[in-house]
């Protein structure tokens, strides 16, 4: 029997989380402020979502738009606060002004997570050298996923990179799961699935009314159906 592909859906609040689970999502990415591409949500939101649904959630650790860490000490404090609120999986990723991974910030925060699983998010798509980034982070405790479109501009442009990296699964720096997201459409799925990619991340695609509207269970269910058929 083939392994079920992971479908992760962005949730801003409890209503989104309930709708995503009802539609067949396997996991949530919990954020605030989509206008800034996703920032750390309030601890109260995390607690409420944890009480409302039973699928896993990964909580964003990010203080401002862009990929600079800002204040690592504050991020460490937020990580501890969110763990106390019920979060046990996270999303983060920071670059320095040269587009190289901010190893200091990432290592500090990973240490604070104390082994909790976490995703390095789409900062990888803005890195000066994504292969070097992967190798620098290889072996960090908890890092099990890269969220990537393959290119800063989205899956349309990043598809060749995604396919090439899928072929390297298991190489040093490439053991982590690839979670495809960023301009992802249903018509991308057949080629991605055929390449062995098995995790997918949607935000706007789950919201037919746009980001001002809620997650739609039927929209999530459509993705679930296509993934299960594939």
Protein backbone atom coordinates (compact mmCIF):
# COMPACT_ATOMS: atom_id res chain seq x y z
CA UNK A 1 0.00 0.00 0.00
CA UNK A 2 1.37 3.42 -0.92
CA UNK A 3 2.05 5.97 1.79
CA UNK A 4 -0.54 8.73 2.12
CA UNK A 5 0.79 12.09 0.97
CA UNK A 6 0.91 14.81 3.63
CA UNK A 7 -1.39 17.81 3.10
CA UNK A 8 -0.53 20.82 5.26
CA UNK A 9 -2.90 23.81 5.36
CA UNK A 10 -2.23 27.30 6.71
CA UNK A 11 -4.51 28.24 9.61
CA UNK A 12 -4.91 31.71 11.08
CA UNK A 13 -7.47 30.82 13.73
CA UNK A 14 -9.63 28.09 15.23
CA UNK A 15 -12.21 28.26 12.45
CA UNK A 16 -9.52 27.69 9.82
CA UNK A 17 -8.13 24.77 11.78
CA UNK A 18 -11.51 23.06 12.14
CA UNK A 19 -12.28 23.55 8.44
CA UNK A 20 -8.87 22.23 7.38
CA UNK A 21 -9.23 19.09 9.48
CA UNK A 22 -12.78 18.56 8.17
CA UNK A 23 -11.48 18.74 4.60
CA UNK A 24 -8.81 16.12 5.18
CA UNK A 25 -5.68 18.09 6.10
CA UNK A 26 -2.99 16.07 7.83
CA UNK A 27 -1.29 19.03 9.49
CA UNK A 28 -1.63 22.77 10.06
CA UNK A 29 0.85 25.60 9.75
CA UNK A 30 -0.34 28.11 12.34
CA UNK A 31 0.57 31.73 11.68
CA UNK A 32 -0.63 35.30 12.07
CA UNK A 33 -0.47 38.28 9.69
CA UNK A 34 -0.57 36.78 6.21
CA UNK A 35 0.18 40.24 4.79
CA UNK A 36 3.70 39.73 6.17
CA UNK A 37 3.82 36.16 4.78
CA UNK A 38 3.19 34.67 8.20
CA UNK A 39 4.39 35.70 11.65
CA UNK A 40 4.29 34.08 15.09
CA UNK A 41 0.70 33.70 16.29
CA UNK A 42 -0.46 34.58 19.81
CA UNK A 43 -0.07 31.83 22.37
CA UNK A 44 -3.83 31.97 22.97
CA UNK A 45 -4.51 31.06 19.36
CA UNK A 46 -2.21 28.06 19.64
CA UNK A 47 -3.93 26.89 22.82
CA UNK A 48 -7.39 27.27 21.26
CA UNK A 49 -6.43 25.41 18.08
CA UNK A 50 -4.83 22.61 20.08
CA UNK A 51 -8.10 22.20 22.00
CA UNK A 52 -10.24 22.28 18.85
CA UNK A 53 -8.49 19.79 16.53
CA UNK A 54 -6.42 16.67 16.90
CA UNK A 55 -4.17 16.87 13.82
CA UNK A 56 -0.57 18.06 14.26
CA UNK A 57 0.26 21.73 13.93
CA UNK A 58 3.52 23.49 13.19
CA UNK A 59 3.73 26.99 14.65
CA UNK A 60 5.62 29.83 12.97
CA UNK A 61 8.57 31.49 14.74
CA UNK A 62 9.07 34.76 12.85
CA UNK A 63 8.99 38.34 14.08
CA UNK A 64 8.76 40.40 10.88
CA UNK A 65 8.40 40.18 7.12
CA UNK A 66 11.59 39.06 5.41
CA UNK A 67 14.14 36.48 6.46
CA UNK A 68 16.25 38.31 9.06
CA UNK A 69 16.02 36.76 12.52
CA UNK A 70 15.77 40.10 14.28
CA UNK A 71 16.12 39.34 17.99
CA UNK A 72 17.08 35.68 18.57
CA UNK A 73 16.58 36.05 22.32
CA UNK A 74 12.97 37.10 21.76
CA UNK A 75 12.44 34.17 19.42
CA UNK A 76 13.81 31.79 22.04
CA UNK A 77 11.40 33.30 24.56
CA UNK A 78 8.50 32.87 22.14
CA UNK A 79 9.49 29.27 21.53
CA UNK A 80 9.31 28.54 25.25
CA UNK A 81 5.98 30.39 25.56
CA UNK A 82 4.44 28.52 22.63
CA UNK A 83 5.64 25.17 23.92
CA UNK A 84 3.85 26.02 27.15
CA UNK A 85 0.74 26.81 25.11
CA UNK A 86 0.70 23.35 23.55
CA UNK A 87 2.93 23.67 20.47
CA UNK A 88 5.30 20.78 19.88
CA UNK A 89 6.23 21.37 16.21
CA UNK A 90 7.52 24.57 14.63
CA UNK A 91 8.45 26.46 11.46
CA UNK A 92 11.42 28.83 11.14
CA UNK A 93 14.22 29.92 8.83
CA UNK A 94 16.61 32.85 8.78
CA UNK A 95 19.16 34.31 6.36
CA UNK A 96 21.87 36.92 6.82
CA UNK A 97 22.14 40.01 4.57
CA UNK A 98 24.22 38.00 2.07
CA UNK A 99 21.56 35.36 1.60
CA UNK A 100 23.43 32.76 3.63
CA UNK A 101 21.78 30.84 6.44
CA UNK A 102 21.94 32.62 9.80
CA UNK A 103 23.45 29.65 11.57
CA UNK A 104 23.69 31.40 14.93
CA UNK A 105 19.99 32.26 15.08
CA UNK A 106 18.81 28.91 13.74
CA UNK A 107 21.01 26.95 16.13
CA UNK A 108 19.89 29.04 19.11
CA UNK A 109 16.23 28.47 18.36
CA UNK A 110 16.65 24.80 17.51
CA UNK A 111 18.33 24.32 20.89
CA UNK A 112 15.36 25.99 22.60
CA UNK A 113 12.99 23.59 20.83
CA UNK A 114 14.80 20.73 22.55
CA UNK A 115 14.21 18.14 19.83
CA UNK A 116 10.74 19.23 18.72
CA UNK A 117 10.28 18.62 14.97
CA UNK A 118 10.56 21.73 12.81
CA UNK A 119 10.43 22.91 9.22
CA UNK A 120 12.94 25.25 7.60
CA UNK A 121 10.58 27.42 5.57
CA UNK A 122 10.83 29.18 2.22
CA UNK A 123 13.87 31.20 3.23
CA UNK A 124 15.65 28.38 1.36
CA UNK A 125 14.11 29.71 -1.87
CA UNK A 126 15.80 33.08 -1.26
CA UNK A 127 19.18 31.67 -0.25
CA UNK A 128 22.32 32.45 -2.24
CA UNK A 129 23.17 28.74 -2.32
CA UNK A 130 20.44 26.31 -1.30
CA UNK A 131 22.73 23.28 -1.46
CA UNK A 132 25.21 24.93 0.92
CA UNK A 133 22.35 25.89 3.24
CA UNK A 134 21.15 22.30 3.43
CA UNK A 135 24.63 21.02 4.20
CA UNK A 136 25.22 23.68 6.87
CA UNK A 137 22.01 22.72 8.65
CA UNK A 138 22.44 18.97 8.25
CA UNK A 139 22.24 17.22 11.59
CA UNK A 140 20.49 20.00 13.53
CA UNK A 141 18.17 18.44 16.13
CA UNK A 142 14.52 18.37 15.06
CA UNK A 143 14.98 19.56 11.46
CA UNK A 144 12.92 17.11 9.42
CA UNK A 145 11.33 19.21 6.65
CA UNK A 146 12.07 21.90 4.07
CA UNK A 147 9.14 23.98 2.82
CA UNK A 148 10.09 25.04 -0.69
CA UNK A 149 8.73 26.00 -4.10
CA UNK A 150 12.14 25.41 -5.66
CA UNK A 151 12.34 29.12 -6.56
CA UNK A 152 11.51 32.43 -4.91
CA UNK A 153 8.87 33.05 -7.59
CA UNK A 154 6.99 29.82 -7.00
CA UNK A 155 6.55 26.25 -8.19
CA UNK A 156 6.12 27.16 -11.86
CA UNK A 157 9.75 28.33 -11.96
CA UNK A 158 11.02 25.99 -9.26
CA UNK A 159 9.77 22.71 -10.66
CA UNK A 160 13.13 21.64 -12.16
CA UNK A 161 14.86 22.29 -8.83
CA UNK A 162 12.21 20.37 -6.91
CA UNK A 163 12.58 17.38 -9.20
CA UNK A 164 16.38 17.49 -9.03
CA UNK A 165 16.35 17.67 -5.23
CA UNK A 166 13.82 14.86 -4.99
CA UNK A 167 16.29 12.68 -6.88
CA UNK A 168 18.91 13.42 -4.20
CA UNK A 169 16.77 12.23 -1.29
CA UNK A 170 19.04 10.52 1.21
CA UNK A 171 22.22 12.38 0.26
CA UNK A 172 23.89 14.41 3.03
CA UNK A 173 21.68 17.46 3.57
CA UNK A 174 18.81 15.87 1.66
CA UNK A 175 17.42 13.43 4.20
CA UNK A 176 14.63 15.78 5.23
CA UNK A 177 11.16 15.64 3.74
CA UNK A 178 10.44 18.16 0.98
CA UNK A 179 7.16 19.99 1.64
CA UNK A 180 6.17 21.63 -1.65
CA UNK A 181 4.44 25.00 -1.32
CA UNK A 182 4.38 28.45 -2.84
CA UNK A 183 2.22 28.97 -5.90
CA UNK A 184 1.35 25.27 -5.86
CA UNK A 185 -1.59 24.23 -8.06
CA UNK A 186 -3.46 21.00 -8.54
CA UNK A 187 -2.02 20.59 -12.03
CA UNK A 188 1.50 20.46 -10.56
CA UNK A 189 0.70 17.38 -8.49
CA UNK A 190 1.00 14.54 -11.04
CA UNK A 191 4.62 15.36 -11.92
CA UNK A 192 5.59 16.00 -8.30
CA UNK A 193 4.00 12.79 -7.07
CA UNK A 194 5.62 10.82 -9.89
CA UNK A 195 9.00 12.12 -8.70
CA UNK A 196 8.35 10.72 -5.24
CA UNK A 197 7.48 13.99 -3.51
CA UNK A 198 4.93 13.26 -0.83
CA UNK A 199 4.16 16.42 1.15
CA UNK A 200 2.28 19.52 0.02
CA UNK A 201 1.45 22.89 1.60
CA UNK A 202 -1.44 25.16 0.64
CA UNK A 203 -2.67 28.54 1.84
CA UNK A 204 -4.64 30.60 -0.66
CA UNK A 205 -5.69 27.46 -2.52
CA UNK A 206 -7.75 26.50 0.53
CA UNK A 207 -9.56 29.86 0.51
CA UNK A 208 -11.81 30.40 -2.53
CA UNK A 209 -12.78 33.85 -1.20
CA UNK A 210 -9.14 34.93 -0.87
CA UNK A 211 -7.18 35.62 2.29
CA UNK A 212 -10.04 37.71 3.70
CA UNK A 213 -12.17 34.56 3.67
CA UNK A 214 -11.92 31.37 5.72
CA UNK A 215 -10.46 28.00 4.86
CA UNK A 216 -13.07 26.04 2.89
CA UNK A 217 -13.41 22.34 3.78
CA UNK A 218 -14.53 21.52 0.24
CA UNK A 219 -11.42 23.15 -1.24
CA UNK A 220 -9.18 21.17 1.10
CA UNK A 221 -11.13 18.01 0.29
CA UNK A 222 -10.47 18.52 -3.43
CA UNK A 223 -6.72 18.52 -2.75
CA UNK A 224 -7.08 15.48 -0.53
CA UNK A 225 -8.96 13.62 -3.28
CA UNK A 226 -6.36 14.39 -5.94
CA UNK A 227 -3.48 13.42 -3.64
CA UNK A 228 -5.13 10.17 -2.64
CA UNK A 229 -5.86 9.34 -6.28
CA UNK A 230 -2.25 10.06 -7.21
